[in-house]
C-alpha cells in the first residue's frame, strides 16, 4: 500500500497507517470515482470531521460501506451536503438514510437525517420517502425502529453562504461552473480552529476555486482526463468540457498555493483503442503548470490537518 501510494504522492507526507491518536480536523475521501461502476473506486463522497462534528459532502455509490470500513457509524453523520444533482453524487443517499436508521450496530440514528443542498433537494428527499414508504411502514411495526430516525430534515440554499456551523466546524457552499446546463452547482469550504479545506466539487476551470483556496491547508479538486485521440470524439469532448484537465487544475493549485493539493472524482475516459491515463501520467500533466505538494486520491485516503501540516494515510 505504501509503495503504491508513494508513486502518486509528491512533496506530501505519508503515514503508512492511521495514527493511534488522530487529529481534531480530518477529511476522508470515501469515494473518488466518476459515474463509472469501478470496483476499486466508489462514487463521490467526502467525510469532514471537525472536533465532534461530522459532515458528509455528497453521497455517491457505496458511501455507507466506506463509512463502515472507516469505522464511522453511519447514523452518526450530523449533516449531508449535496453539491448538485448528478446521480453519481446522490445514488448512495437512500442507503445512507435507511441503513443509518435500521442497523443498530451501524449507527442507529434516532433523530432526523439532515440534508442540505440547492433548490431541488426537497424534491429529492421527498421522492425517497415516497419510494421507500412501504419498507418504512413494515420496519416501524416489525422492528420497532424509532420513527424520528427515518425522518429527513431538508434545507435548501439559494446563494453562497455558511450552511453548517456547529462544534467549531464551519461549512460554506459557493457556486462553481460545471457547465451552463448543470445548475445549481457548488464547491465547499470547511474551516476548523483556524485551518481550512477547500473542495472544488464538480467543475470546469473556475478561478473562484483558487480565490477560495488561498492559504488553504488542503485543496481537493476534481479531474477529467482522456487520451488526445479520444478527445476527437463528440461524447468525450462534451464530458471533459464539464470537468477540469490536469493542466487546468495545476493552474488553480499554483494560484492558490495550498499546503497540499489533492485529486478526487477522477473522470478517466477510455475505449477499446484508448486506455485511461495512468496516475503517473496525470501527475506529469499537472506538473506542466504546478510544482507543489500533490496527492492523487484513493478511496479511504484521510488527510489529518494539523497546525503544523497535513498528514496523509489510508483509513482501513
C-alpha atoms as a PDB file:
ATOM      1  CA  UNK A   1       0.000   0.000   0.000  1.00  0.00           C
ATOM      2  CA  UNK A   2       2.682   2.461   0.955  1.00  0.00           C
ATOM      3  CA  UNK A   3       4.772   1.763  -2.146  1.00  0.00           C
ATOM      4  CA  UNK A   4       1.734   2.206  -4.414  1.00  0.00           C
ATOM      5  CA  UNK A   5       0.813   5.497  -2.814  1.00  0.00           C
ATOM      6  CA  UNK A   6       4.378   6.769  -2.905  1.00  0.00           C
ATOM      7  CA  UNK A   7       4.235   6.697  -6.707  1.00  0.00           C
ATOM      8  CA  UNK A   8       1.329   9.142  -6.778  1.00  0.00           C
ATOM      9  CA  UNK A   9       2.335  11.441  -3.940  1.00  0.00           C
ATOM     10  CA  UNK A  10       4.925  14.134  -4.461  1.00  0.00           C
ATOM     11  CA  UNK A  11       6.018  16.554  -1.797  1.00  0.00           C
ATOM     12  CA  UNK A  12       3.427  15.201   0.695  1.00  0.00           C
ATOM     13  CA  UNK A  13       3.843  13.372   3.982  1.00  0.00           C
ATOM     14  CA  UNK A  14       2.552   9.785   4.055  1.00  0.00           C
ATOM     15  CA  UNK A  15       1.865   7.793   7.215  1.00  0.00           C
ATOM     16  CA  UNK A  16       1.549   4.066   6.491  1.00  0.00           C
ATOM     17  CA  UNK A  17      -1.415   3.576   8.825  1.00  0.00           C
ATOM     18  CA  UNK A  18      -3.857   5.620  10.853  1.00  0.00           C
ATOM     19  CA  UNK A  19      -2.026   7.057  13.870  1.00  0.00           C
ATOM     20  CA  UNK A  20      -3.026   5.931  17.342  1.00  0.00           C
ATOM     21  CA  UNK A  21      -4.221   9.449  18.148  1.00  0.00           C
ATOM     22  CA  UNK A  22      -5.981  11.067  15.206  1.00  0.00           C
ATOM     23  CA  UNK A  23      -6.191  14.828  14.958  1.00  0.00           C
ATOM     24  CA  UNK A  24      -9.199  17.077  15.523  1.00  0.00           C
ATOM     25  CA  UNK A  25      -9.682  18.073  11.859  1.00  0.00           C
ATOM     26  CA  UNK A  26      -9.744  15.310   9.246  1.00  0.00           C
ATOM     27  CA  UNK A  27     -11.030  14.832   5.713  1.00  0.00           C
ATOM     28  CA  UNK A  28     -11.561  11.353   4.266  1.00  0.00           C
ATOM     29  CA  UNK A  29     -12.171  10.550   0.609  1.00  0.00           C
ATOM     30  CA  UNK A  30     -14.882   7.885   0.832  1.00  0.00           C
ATOM     31  CA  UNK A  31     -15.304   7.685  -2.927  1.00  0.00           C
ATOM     32  CA  UNK A  32     -13.057   9.020  -5.675  1.00  0.00           C
ATOM     33  CA  UNK A  33     -14.685   7.765  -8.892  1.00  0.00           C
ATOM     34  CA  UNK A  34     -16.945   9.255 -11.528  1.00  0.00           C
ATOM     35  CA  UNK A  35     -20.235   7.573 -12.595  1.00  0.00           C
ATOM     36  CA  UNK A  36     -18.246   4.597 -13.902  1.00  0.00           C
ATOM     37  CA  UNK A  37     -19.005   1.494 -11.735  1.00  0.00           C
ATOM     38  CA  UNK A  38     -15.471   0.708 -10.637  1.00  0.00           C
ATOM     39  CA  UNK A  39     -14.684  -1.954  -8.028  1.00  0.00           C
ATOM     40  CA  UNK A  40     -11.673  -0.004  -6.744  1.00  0.00           C
ATOM     41  CA  UNK A  41     -13.254   3.455  -6.516  1.00  0.00           C
ATOM     42  CA  UNK A  42     -16.657   4.272  -5.046  1.00  0.00           C
ATOM     43  CA  UNK A  43     -18.936   7.156  -6.029  1.00  0.00           C
ATOM     44  CA  UNK A  44     -18.105  10.729  -4.995  1.00  0.00           C
ATOM     45  CA  UNK A  45     -18.344  11.308  -1.250  1.00  0.00           C
ATOM     46  CA  UNK A  46     -16.123  13.104   1.266  1.00  0.00           C
ATOM     47  CA  UNK A  47     -16.301  12.947   5.064  1.00  0.00           C
ATOM     48  CA  UNK A  48     -15.287  16.040   7.038  1.00  0.00           C
ATOM     49  CA  UNK A  49     -14.621  15.687  10.777  1.00  0.00           C
ATOM     50  CA  UNK A  50     -14.024  18.737  12.936  1.00  0.00           C
ATOM     51  CA  UNK A  51     -13.961  18.132  16.676  1.00  0.00           C
ATOM     52  CA  UNK A  52     -17.100  16.112  17.445  1.00  0.00           C
ATOM     53  CA  UNK A  53     -18.921  17.181  14.248  1.00  0.00           C
ATOM     54  CA  UNK A  54     -19.194  15.078  11.095  1.00  0.00           C
ATOM     55  CA  UNK A  55     -20.422  16.381   7.745  1.00  0.00           C
ATOM     56  CA  UNK A  56     -20.695  14.328   4.565  1.00  0.00           C
ATOM     57  CA  UNK A  57     -20.205  16.050   1.210  1.00  0.00           C
ATOM     58  CA  UNK A  58     -22.293  14.146  -1.350  1.00  0.00           C
ATOM     59  CA  UNK A  59     -23.388  10.525  -1.008  1.00  0.00           C
ATOM     60  CA  UNK A  60     -22.329   8.558  -4.048  1.00  0.00           C
ATOM     61  CA  UNK A  61     -22.400   4.835  -4.666  1.00  0.00           C
ATOM     62  CA  UNK A  62     -21.061   2.766  -1.737  1.00  0.00           C
ATOM     63  CA  UNK A  63     -20.763   5.677   0.717  1.00  0.00           C
ATOM     64  CA  UNK A  64     -22.231   3.704   3.674  1.00  0.00           C
ATOM     65  CA  UNK A  65     -19.832   0.825   3.024  1.00  0.00           C
ATOM     66  CA  UNK A  66     -16.846   3.142   3.046  1.00  0.00           C
ATOM     67  CA  UNK A  67     -18.085   4.767   6.268  1.00  0.00           C
ATOM     68  CA  UNK A  68     -18.279   1.350   7.873  1.00  0.00           C
ATOM     69  CA  UNK A  69     -14.782   0.486   6.632  1.00  0.00           C
ATOM     70  CA  UNK A  70     -13.584   3.740   8.211  1.00  0.00           C
ATOM     71  CA  UNK A  71     -15.277   2.661  11.467  1.00  0.00           C
ATOM     72  CA  UNK A  72     -17.662   5.618  11.336  1.00  0.00           C
ATOM     73  CA  UNK A  73     -21.225   4.731  12.468  1.00  0.00           C
ATOM     74  CA  UNK A  74     -23.494   5.511   9.526  1.00  0.00           C
ATOM     75  CA  UNK A  75     -26.067   7.154  11.742  1.00  0.00           C
ATOM     76  CA  UNK A  76     -23.529   9.489  13.341  1.00  0.00           C
ATOM     77  CA  UNK A  77     -23.330  11.963  10.441  1.00  0.00           C
ATOM     78  CA  UNK A  78     -24.548  15.386  11.587  1.00  0.00           C
ATOM     79  CA  UNK A  79     -25.439  16.629   8.095  1.00  0.00           C
ATOM     80  CA  UNK A  80     -25.131  15.576   4.470  1.00  0.00           C
ATOM     81  CA  UNK A  81     -24.452  18.315   1.925  1.00  0.00           C
ATOM     82  CA  UNK A  82     -25.434  17.776  -1.726  1.00  0.00           C
ATOM     83  CA  UNK A  83     -23.387  19.873  -4.158  1.00  0.00           C
ATOM     84  CA  UNK A  84     -25.505  19.204  -7.268  1.00  0.00           C
ATOM     85  CA  UNK A  85     -27.954  16.664  -8.656  1.00  0.00           C
ATOM     86  CA  UNK A  86     -25.875  14.391 -10.859  1.00  0.00           C
ATOM     87  CA  UNK A  87     -26.825  10.849  -9.890  1.00  0.00           C
ATOM     88  CA  UNK A  88     -23.289   9.752  -9.037  1.00  0.00           C
ATOM     89  CA  UNK A  89     -23.364  12.265  -6.154  1.00  0.00           C
ATOM     90  CA  UNK A  90     -26.728  11.168  -4.757  1.00  0.00           C
ATOM     91  CA  UNK A  91     -27.154   7.458  -5.551  1.00  0.00           C
ATOM     92  CA  UNK A  92     -25.967   6.423  -2.074  1.00  0.00           C
ATOM     93  CA  UNK A  93     -28.302   8.789  -0.229  1.00  0.00           C
ATOM     94  CA  UNK A  94     -31.144   6.289   0.233  1.00  0.00           C
ATOM     95  CA  UNK A  95     -28.722   3.700   1.596  1.00  0.00           C
ATOM     96  CA  UNK A  96     -27.149   6.244   3.944  1.00  0.00           C
ATOM     97  CA  UNK A  97     -30.591   7.258   5.182  1.00  0.00           C
ATOM     98  CA  UNK A  98     -32.202   3.860   5.670  1.00  0.00           C
ATOM     99  CA  UNK A  99     -29.182   1.831   6.770  1.00  0.00           C
ATOM    100  CA  UNK A 100     -28.274   4.545   9.258  1.00  0.00           C
ATOM    101  CA  UNK A 101     -31.748   4.103  10.729  1.00  0.00           C
ATOM    102  CA  UNK A 102     -32.381   0.356  10.717  1.00  0.00           C
ATOM    103  CA  UNK A 103     -28.960  -1.059  11.509  1.00  0.00           C
ATOM    104  CA  UNK A 104     -28.464  -0.512  15.216  1.00  0.00           C
ATOM    105  CA  UNK A 105     -24.808  -1.669  15.367  1.00  0.00           C
ATOM    106  CA  UNK A 106     -24.000   0.593  12.425  1.00  0.00           C
ATOM    107  CA  UNK A 107     -25.332   3.793  13.893  1.00  0.00           C
ATOM    108  CA  UNK A 108     -28.967   3.504  14.887  1.00  0.00           C
ATOM    109  CA  UNK A 109     -29.998   7.056  14.061  1.00  0.00           C
ATOM    110  CA  UNK A 110     -32.894   8.153  16.294  1.00  0.00           C
ATOM    111  CA  UNK A 111     -33.172  11.747  15.019  1.00  0.00           C
ATOM    112  CA  UNK A 112     -33.984  13.042  11.516  1.00  0.00           C
ATOM    113  CA  UNK A 113     -31.273  12.827   8.878  1.00  0.00           C
ATOM    114  CA  UNK A 114     -30.238  16.365   7.940  1.00  0.00           C
ATOM    115  CA  UNK A 115     -29.740  17.045   4.243  1.00  0.00           C
ATOM    116  CA  UNK A 116     -28.572  20.412   2.877  1.00  0.00           C
ATOM    117  CA  UNK A 117     -28.427  21.286  -0.791  1.00  0.00           C
ATOM    118  CA  UNK A 118     -29.536  23.532  -3.646  1.00  0.00           C
ATOM    119  CA  UNK A 119     -33.149  24.210  -4.547  1.00  0.00           C
ATOM    120  CA  UNK A 120     -34.494  20.846  -5.666  1.00  0.00           C
ATOM    121  CA  UNK A 121     -33.081  18.913  -2.715  1.00  0.00           C
ATOM    122  CA  UNK A 122     -36.513  18.714  -1.063  1.00  0.00           C
ATOM    123  CA  UNK A 123     -37.925  17.101  -4.192  1.00  0.00           C
ATOM    124  CA  UNK A 124     -35.153  14.506  -3.977  1.00  0.00           C
ATOM    125  CA  UNK A 125     -35.684  13.701  -0.302  1.00  0.00           C
ATOM    126  CA  UNK A 126     -39.491  13.760  -0.614  1.00  0.00           C
ATOM    127  CA  UNK A 127     -39.189  11.335  -3.505  1.00  0.00           C
ATOM    128  CA  UNK A 128     -37.047   8.976  -1.434  1.00  0.00           C
ATOM    129  CA  UNK A 129     -39.593   8.977   1.364  1.00  0.00           C
ATOM    130  CA  UNK A 130     -42.387   8.180  -1.080  1.00  0.00           C
ATOM    131  CA  UNK A 131     -40.368   5.481  -2.821  1.00  0.00           C
ATOM    132  CA  UNK A 132     -39.453   3.668   0.389  1.00  0.00           C
ATOM    133  CA  UNK A 133     -42.661   4.192   2.335  1.00  0.00           C
ATOM    134  CA  UNK A 134     -43.581   0.518   2.072  1.00  0.00           C
ATOM    135  CA  UNK A 135     -40.281  -0.531   3.612  1.00  0.00           C
ATOM    136  CA  UNK A 136     -40.548   2.127   6.304  1.00  0.00           C
ATOM    137  CA  UNK A 137     -44.051   1.144   7.388  1.00  0.00           C
ATOM    138  CA  UNK A 138     -43.046  -2.509   7.684  1.00  0.00           C
ATOM    139  CA  UNK A 139     -39.949  -1.767   9.754  1.00  0.00           C
ATOM    140  CA  UNK A 140     -41.760   0.638  12.071  1.00  0.00           C
ATOM    141  CA  UNK A 141     -44.133  -2.173  13.060  1.00  0.00           C
ATOM    142  CA  UNK A 142     -41.938  -5.230  12.628  1.00  0.00           C
ATOM    143  CA  UNK A 143     -38.668  -3.929  14.105  1.00  0.00           C
ATOM    144  CA  UNK A 144     -39.820  -1.100  16.331  1.00  0.00           C
ATOM    145  CA  UNK A 145     -37.236   1.332  14.986  1.00  0.00           C
ATOM    146  CA  UNK A 146     -37.705   4.923  16.222  1.00  0.00           C
ATOM    147  CA  UNK A 147     -39.957   6.879  13.836  1.00  0.00           C
ATOM    148  CA  UNK A 148     -37.888  10.070  14.329  1.00  0.00           C
ATOM    149  CA  UNK A 149     -34.835   8.328  12.862  1.00  0.00           C
ATOM    150  CA  UNK A 150     -36.413   7.827   9.451  1.00  0.00           C
ATOM    151  CA  UNK A 151     -37.483  11.430   9.043  1.00  0.00           C
ATOM    152  CA  UNK A 152     -35.454  13.721   6.767  1.00  0.00           C
ATOM    153  CA  UNK A 153     -34.857  17.369   7.656  1.00  0.00           C
ATOM    154  CA  UNK A 154     -34.109  19.154   4.391  1.00  0.00           C
ATOM    155  CA  UNK A 155     -32.651  22.646   3.988  1.00  0.00           C
ATOM    156  CA  UNK A 156     -32.417  24.276   0.564  1.00  0.00           C
ATOM    157  CA  UNK A 157     -29.966  27.070  -0.197  1.00  0.00           C
ATOM    158  CA  UNK A 158     -30.244  29.760  -2.845  1.00  0.00           C
ATOM    159  CA  UNK A 159     -26.918  31.583  -2.575  1.00  0.00           C
ATOM    160  CA  UNK A 160     -23.345  31.292  -1.345  1.00  0.00           C
ATOM    161  CA  UNK A 161     -23.004  31.104   2.420  1.00  0.00           C
ATOM    162  CA  UNK A 162     -22.492  29.117   5.597  1.00  0.00           C
ATOM    163  CA  UNK A 163     -24.683  26.006   5.731  1.00  0.00           C
ATOM    164  CA  UNK A 164     -23.287  24.278   8.846  1.00  0.00           C
ATOM    165  CA  UNK A 165     -21.648  25.826  11.901  1.00  0.00           C
ATOM    166  CA  UNK A 166     -21.551  23.553  14.943  1.00  0.00           C
ATOM    167  CA  UNK A 167     -18.908  22.418  17.400  1.00  0.00           C
ATOM    168  CA  UNK A 168     -16.326  24.692  15.805  1.00  0.00           C
ATOM    169  CA  UNK A 169     -16.758  23.185  12.305  1.00  0.00           C
ATOM    170  CA  UNK A 170     -17.988  25.677   9.701  1.00  0.00           C
ATOM    171  CA  UNK A 171     -19.004  24.596   6.202  1.00  0.00           C
ATOM    172  CA  UNK A 172     -19.634  27.129   3.430  1.00  0.00           C
ATOM    173  CA  UNK A 173     -21.026  26.475  -0.045  1.00  0.00           C
ATOM    174  CA  UNK A 174     -20.044  28.620  -3.044  1.00  0.00           C
ATOM    175  CA  UNK A 175     -21.201  28.476  -6.655  1.00  0.00           C
ATOM    176  CA  UNK A 176     -18.929  26.958  -9.314  1.00  0.00           C
ATOM    177  CA  UNK A 177     -19.206  26.272 -13.041  1.00  0.00           C
ATOM    178  CA  UNK A 178     -19.986  22.670 -14.004  1.00  0.00           C
ATOM    179  CA  UNK A 179     -21.453  23.760 -17.351  1.00  0.00           C
ATOM    180  CA  UNK A 180     -24.302  26.024 -18.413  1.00  0.00           C
ATOM    181  CA  UNK A 181     -26.929  23.284 -18.114  1.00  0.00           C
ATOM    182  CA  UNK A 182     -25.709  21.894 -14.781  1.00  0.00           C
ATOM    183  CA  UNK A 183     -27.027  24.382 -12.265  1.00  0.00           C
ATOM    184  CA  UNK A 184     -27.162  24.932  -9.382  1.00  0.00           C
ATOM    185  CA  UNK A 185     -23.702  23.600  -8.550  1.00  0.00           C
ATOM    186  CA  UNK A 186     -21.464  24.269  -5.548  1.00  0.00           C
ATOM    187  CA  UNK A 187     -17.978  23.896  -4.097  1.00  0.00           C
ATOM    188  CA  UNK A 188     -17.217  23.628  -0.391  1.00  0.00           C
ATOM    189  CA  UNK A 189     -15.060  25.408   2.189  1.00  0.00           C
ATOM    190  CA  UNK A 190     -14.616  23.696   5.560  1.00  0.00           C
ATOM    191  CA  UNK A 191     -12.943  25.541   8.449  1.00  0.00           C
ATOM    192  CA  UNK A 192     -11.973  24.425  11.928  1.00  0.00           C
ATOM    193  CA  UNK A 193      -9.799  26.150  14.521  1.00  0.00           C
ATOM    194  CA  UNK A 194      -8.062  28.412  12.024  1.00  0.00           C
ATOM    195  CA  UNK A 195      -7.465  25.672   9.433  1.00  0.00           C
ATOM    196  CA  UNK A 196      -9.144  25.495   6.035  1.00  0.00           C
ATOM    197  CA  UNK A 197     -10.031  22.869   3.436  1.00  0.00           C
ATOM    198  CA  UNK A 198     -11.480  23.720   0.025  1.00  0.00           C
ATOM    199  CA  UNK A 199     -13.279  21.136  -2.127  1.00  0.00           C
ATOM    200  CA  UNK A 200     -13.935  22.108  -5.743  1.00  0.00           C
ATOM    201  CA  UNK A 201     -16.890  19.822  -6.306  1.00  0.00           C
ATOM    202  CA  UNK A 202     -17.586  19.057  -9.954  1.00  0.00           C
ATOM    203  CA  UNK A 203     -16.407  21.984 -12.041  1.00  0.00           C
ATOM    204  CA  UNK A 204     -14.700  23.265 -15.122  1.00  0.00           C
ATOM    205  CA  UNK A 205     -11.731  25.608 -14.711  1.00  0.00           C
ATOM    206  CA  UNK A 206     -13.078  28.216 -12.285  1.00  0.00           C
ATOM    207  CA  UNK A 207     -10.965  30.968 -10.721  1.00  0.00           C
ATOM    208  CA  UNK A 208     -13.376  31.167  -7.779  1.00  0.00           C
ATOM    209  CA  UNK A 209     -11.862  27.929  -6.504  1.00  0.00           C
ATOM    210  CA  UNK A 210      -8.391  29.450  -6.485  1.00  0.00           C
ATOM    211  CA  UNK A 211      -9.763  32.519  -4.704  1.00  0.00           C
ATOM    212  CA  UNK A 212     -11.428  30.400  -2.011  1.00  0.00           C
ATOM    213  CA  UNK A 213      -8.345  28.200  -1.820  1.00  0.00           C
ATOM    214  CA  UNK A 214      -5.898  30.989  -0.965  1.00  0.00           C
ATOM    215  CA  UNK A 215      -3.896  29.881   2.072  1.00  0.00           C
ATOM    216  CA  UNK A 216      -5.803  26.594   2.397  1.00  0.00           C
ATOM    217  CA  UNK A 217      -4.228  23.732   4.260  1.00  0.00           C
ATOM    218  CA  UNK A 218      -5.773  21.358   1.723  1.00  0.00           C
ATOM    219  CA  UNK A 219      -7.305  21.967  -1.718  1.00  0.00           C
ATOM    220  CA  UNK A 220      -9.161  18.978  -3.176  1.00  0.00           C
ATOM    221  CA  UNK A 221     -10.008  19.229  -6.863  1.00  0.00           C
ATOM    222  CA  UNK A 222     -11.912  17.094  -9.345  1.00  0.00           C
ATOM    223  CA  UNK A 223     -10.338  15.900 -12.591  1.00  0.00           C
ATOM    224  CA  UNK A 224     -11.258  14.976 -16.177  1.00  0.00           C
ATOM    225  CA  UNK A 225      -8.826  13.101 -18.429  1.00  0.00           C
ATOM    226  CA  UNK A 226      -8.718  11.311 -21.775  1.00  0.00           C
ATOM    227  CA  UNK A 227      -6.159  10.399 -24.409  1.00  0.00           C
ATOM    228  CA  UNK A 228      -5.806  13.060 -27.159  1.00  0.00           C
ATOM    229  CA  UNK A 229      -7.192  10.682 -29.799  1.00  0.00           C
ATOM    230  CA  UNK A 230     -10.309  10.007 -27.720  1.00  0.00           C
ATOM    231  CA  UNK A 231     -10.889  13.734 -27.299  1.00  0.00           C
ATOM    232  CA  UNK A 232     -11.613  13.939 -31.020  1.00  0.00           C
ATOM    233  CA  UNK A 233     -14.943  12.171 -30.364  1.00  0.00           C
ATOM    234  CA  UNK A 234     -18.016  14.262 -29.560  1.00  0.00           C
ATOM    235  CA  UNK A 235     -19.023  12.363 -26.417  1.00  0.00           C
ATOM    236  CA  UNK A 236     -15.581  12.660 -24.856  1.00  0.00           C
ATOM    237  CA  UNK A 237     -15.421  16.343 -25.754  1.00  0.00           C
ATOM    238  CA  UNK A 238     -18.743  17.001 -24.008  1.00  0.00           C
ATOM    239  CA  UNK A 239     -17.745  15.134 -20.871  1.00  0.00           C
ATOM    240  CA  UNK A 240     -14.313  16.705 -20.493  1.00  0.00           C
ATOM    241  CA  UNK A 241     -15.761  20.167 -21.193  1.00  0.00           C
ATOM    242  CA  UNK A 242     -17.662  19.805 -17.908  1.00  0.00           C
ATOM    243  CA  UNK A 243     -14.547  18.948 -15.923  1.00  0.00           C
ATOM    244  CA  UNK A 244     -11.017  20.216 -15.281  1.00  0.00           C
ATOM    245  CA  UNK A 245      -7.934  18.875 -17.037  1.00  0.00           C
ATOM    246  CA  UNK A 246      -4.730  18.177 -15.082  1.00  0.00           C
ATOM    247  CA  UNK A 247      -3.093  21.242 -16.599  1.00  0.00           C
ATOM    248  CA  UNK A 248      -6.062  23.446 -15.660  1.00  0.00           C
ATOM    249  CA  UNK A 249      -6.211  22.037 -12.135  1.00  0.00           C
ATOM    250  CA  UNK A 250      -2.495  22.720 -11.865  1.00  0.00           C
ATOM    251  CA  UNK A 251      -3.164  26.364 -12.676  1.00  0.00           C
ATOM    252  CA  UNK A 252      -5.726  26.503  -9.868  1.00  0.00           C
ATOM    253  CA  UNK A 253      -3.280  24.886  -7.446  1.00  0.00           C
ATOM    254  CA  UNK A 254      -0.493  27.240  -8.494  1.00  0.00           C
ATOM    255  CA  UNK A 255      -2.700  30.294  -7.969  1.00  0.00           C
ATOM    256  CA  UNK A 256      -3.997  29.129  -4.576  1.00  0.00           C
ATOM    257  CA  UNK A 257      -0.715  27.693  -3.222  1.00  0.00           C
ATOM    258  CA  UNK A 258      -2.289  25.330  -0.654  1.00  0.00           C
ATOM    259  CA  UNK A 259      -0.126  23.383   1.756  1.00  0.00           C
ATOM    260  CA  UNK A 260      -1.331  20.252  -0.046  1.00  0.00           C
ATOM    261  CA  UNK A 261      -3.239  19.720  -3.296  1.00  0.00           C
ATOM    262  CA  UNK A 262      -5.213  16.547  -3.938  1.00  0.00           C
ATOM    263  CA  UNK A 263      -7.306  14.986  -6.675  1.00  0.00           C
ATOM    264  CA  UNK A 264     -10.625  13.201  -6.295  1.00  0.00           C
ATOM    265  CA  UNK A 265     -13.586  12.399  -8.582  1.00  0.00           C
ATOM    266  CA  UNK A 266     -11.284  11.013 -11.256  1.00  0.00           C
ATOM    267  CA  UNK A 267     -13.078  11.072 -14.605  1.00  0.00           C
ATOM    268  CA  UNK A 268     -10.776   8.872 -16.691  1.00  0.00           C
ATOM    269  CA  UNK A 269     -12.343   8.219 -20.081  1.00  0.00           C
ATOM    270  CA  UNK A 270     -11.256   5.298 -22.254  1.00  0.00           C
ATOM    271  CA  UNK A 271     -12.380   2.999 -25.054  1.00  0.00           C
ATOM    272  CA  UNK A 272     -11.076  -0.111 -26.774  1.00  0.00           C
ATOM    273  CA  UNK A 273      -8.365   1.839 -28.559  1.00  0.00           C
ATOM    274  CA  UNK A 274      -7.538   4.478 -25.958  1.00  0.00           C
ATOM    275  CA  UNK A 275      -6.652   3.373 -22.431  1.00  0.00           C
ATOM    276  CA  UNK A 276      -7.136   5.530 -19.365  1.00  0.00           C
ATOM    277  CA  UNK A 277      -4.319   7.854 -18.458  1.00  0.00           C
ATOM    278  CA  UNK A 278      -2.213   6.303 -15.730  1.00  0.00           C
ATOM    279  CA  UNK A 279      -1.873   8.088 -12.406  1.00  0.00           C
ATOM    280  CA  UNK A 280       1.788   8.972 -13.093  1.00  0.00           C
ATOM    281  CA  UNK A 281       0.684  10.470 -16.429  1.00  0.00           C
ATOM    282  CA  UNK A 282      -1.913  12.566 -14.603  1.00  0.00           C
ATOM    283  CA  UNK A 283       0.765  13.823 -12.235  1.00  0.00           C
ATOM    284  CA  UNK A 284       3.104  14.538 -15.160  1.00  0.00           C
ATOM    285  CA  UNK A 285       0.456  16.648 -16.896  1.00  0.00           C
ATOM    286  CA  UNK A 286      -0.286  18.525 -13.666  1.00  0.00           C
ATOM    287  CA  UNK A 287       3.404  19.301 -13.338  1.00  0.00           C
ATOM    288  CA  UNK A 288       3.206  21.328 -16.547  1.00  0.00           C
ATOM    289  CA  UNK A 289       1.533  24.086 -14.509  1.00  0.00           C
ATOM    290  CA  UNK A 290       2.066  23.264 -10.811  1.00  0.00           C
ATOM    291  CA  UNK A 291       5.137  22.204  -8.847  1.00  0.00           C
ATOM    292  CA  UNK A 292       3.899  21.961  -5.262  1.00  0.00           C
ATOM    293  CA  UNK A 293       2.826  19.075  -2.989  1.00  0.00           C
ATOM    294  CA  UNK A 294       0.296  16.830  -4.737  1.00  0.00           C
ATOM    295  CA  UNK A 295      -1.678  13.671  -3.975  1.00  0.00           C
ATOM    296  CA  UNK A 296      -3.870  11.604  -6.293  1.00  0.00           C
ATOM    297  CA  UNK A 297      -6.687  10.429  -4.052  1.00  0.00           C
ATOM    298  CA  UNK A 298      -7.721   6.871  -3.296  1.00  0.00           C
ATOM    299  CA  UNK A 299     -10.829   5.645  -1.510  1.00  0.00           C
ATOM    300  CA  UNK A 300     -10.402   5.873   2.278  1.00  0.00           C
ATOM    301  CA  UNK A 301      -7.453   8.257   1.967  1.00  0.00           C
ATOM    302  CA  UNK A 302      -7.541  10.529   5.019  1.00  0.00           C
ATOM    303  CA  UNK A 303      -5.954  13.937   5.420  1.00  0.00           C
ATOM    304  CA  UNK A 304      -5.185  14.785   9.045  1.00  0.00           C
ATOM    305  CA  UNK A 305      -4.977  18.565   9.037  1.00  0.00           C
ATOM    306  CA  UNK A 306      -2.768  19.619  11.916  1.00  0.00           C
ATOM    307  CA  UNK A 307      -1.453  23.005  12.891  1.00  0.00           C
ATOM    308  CA  UNK A 308       1.986  22.056  11.541  1.00  0.00           C
ATOM    309  CA  UNK A 309       0.978  20.369   8.287  1.00  0.00           C
ATOM    310  CA  UNK A 310      -1.173  17.707   6.648  1.00  0.00           C
ATOM    311  CA  UNK A 311      -0.519  14.001   7.214  1.00  0.00           C
ATOM    312  CA  UNK A 312      -1.972  11.506   4.752  1.00  0.00           C
ATOM    313  CA  UNK A 313      -2.855   7.855   5.325  1.00  0.00           C
ATOM    314  CA  UNK A 314      -5.282   5.140   4.253  1.00  0.00           C
ATOM    315  CA  UNK A 315      -8.061   4.676   6.780  1.00  0.00           C
ATOM    316  CA  UNK A 316      -8.696   0.943   6.961  1.00  0.00           C
END
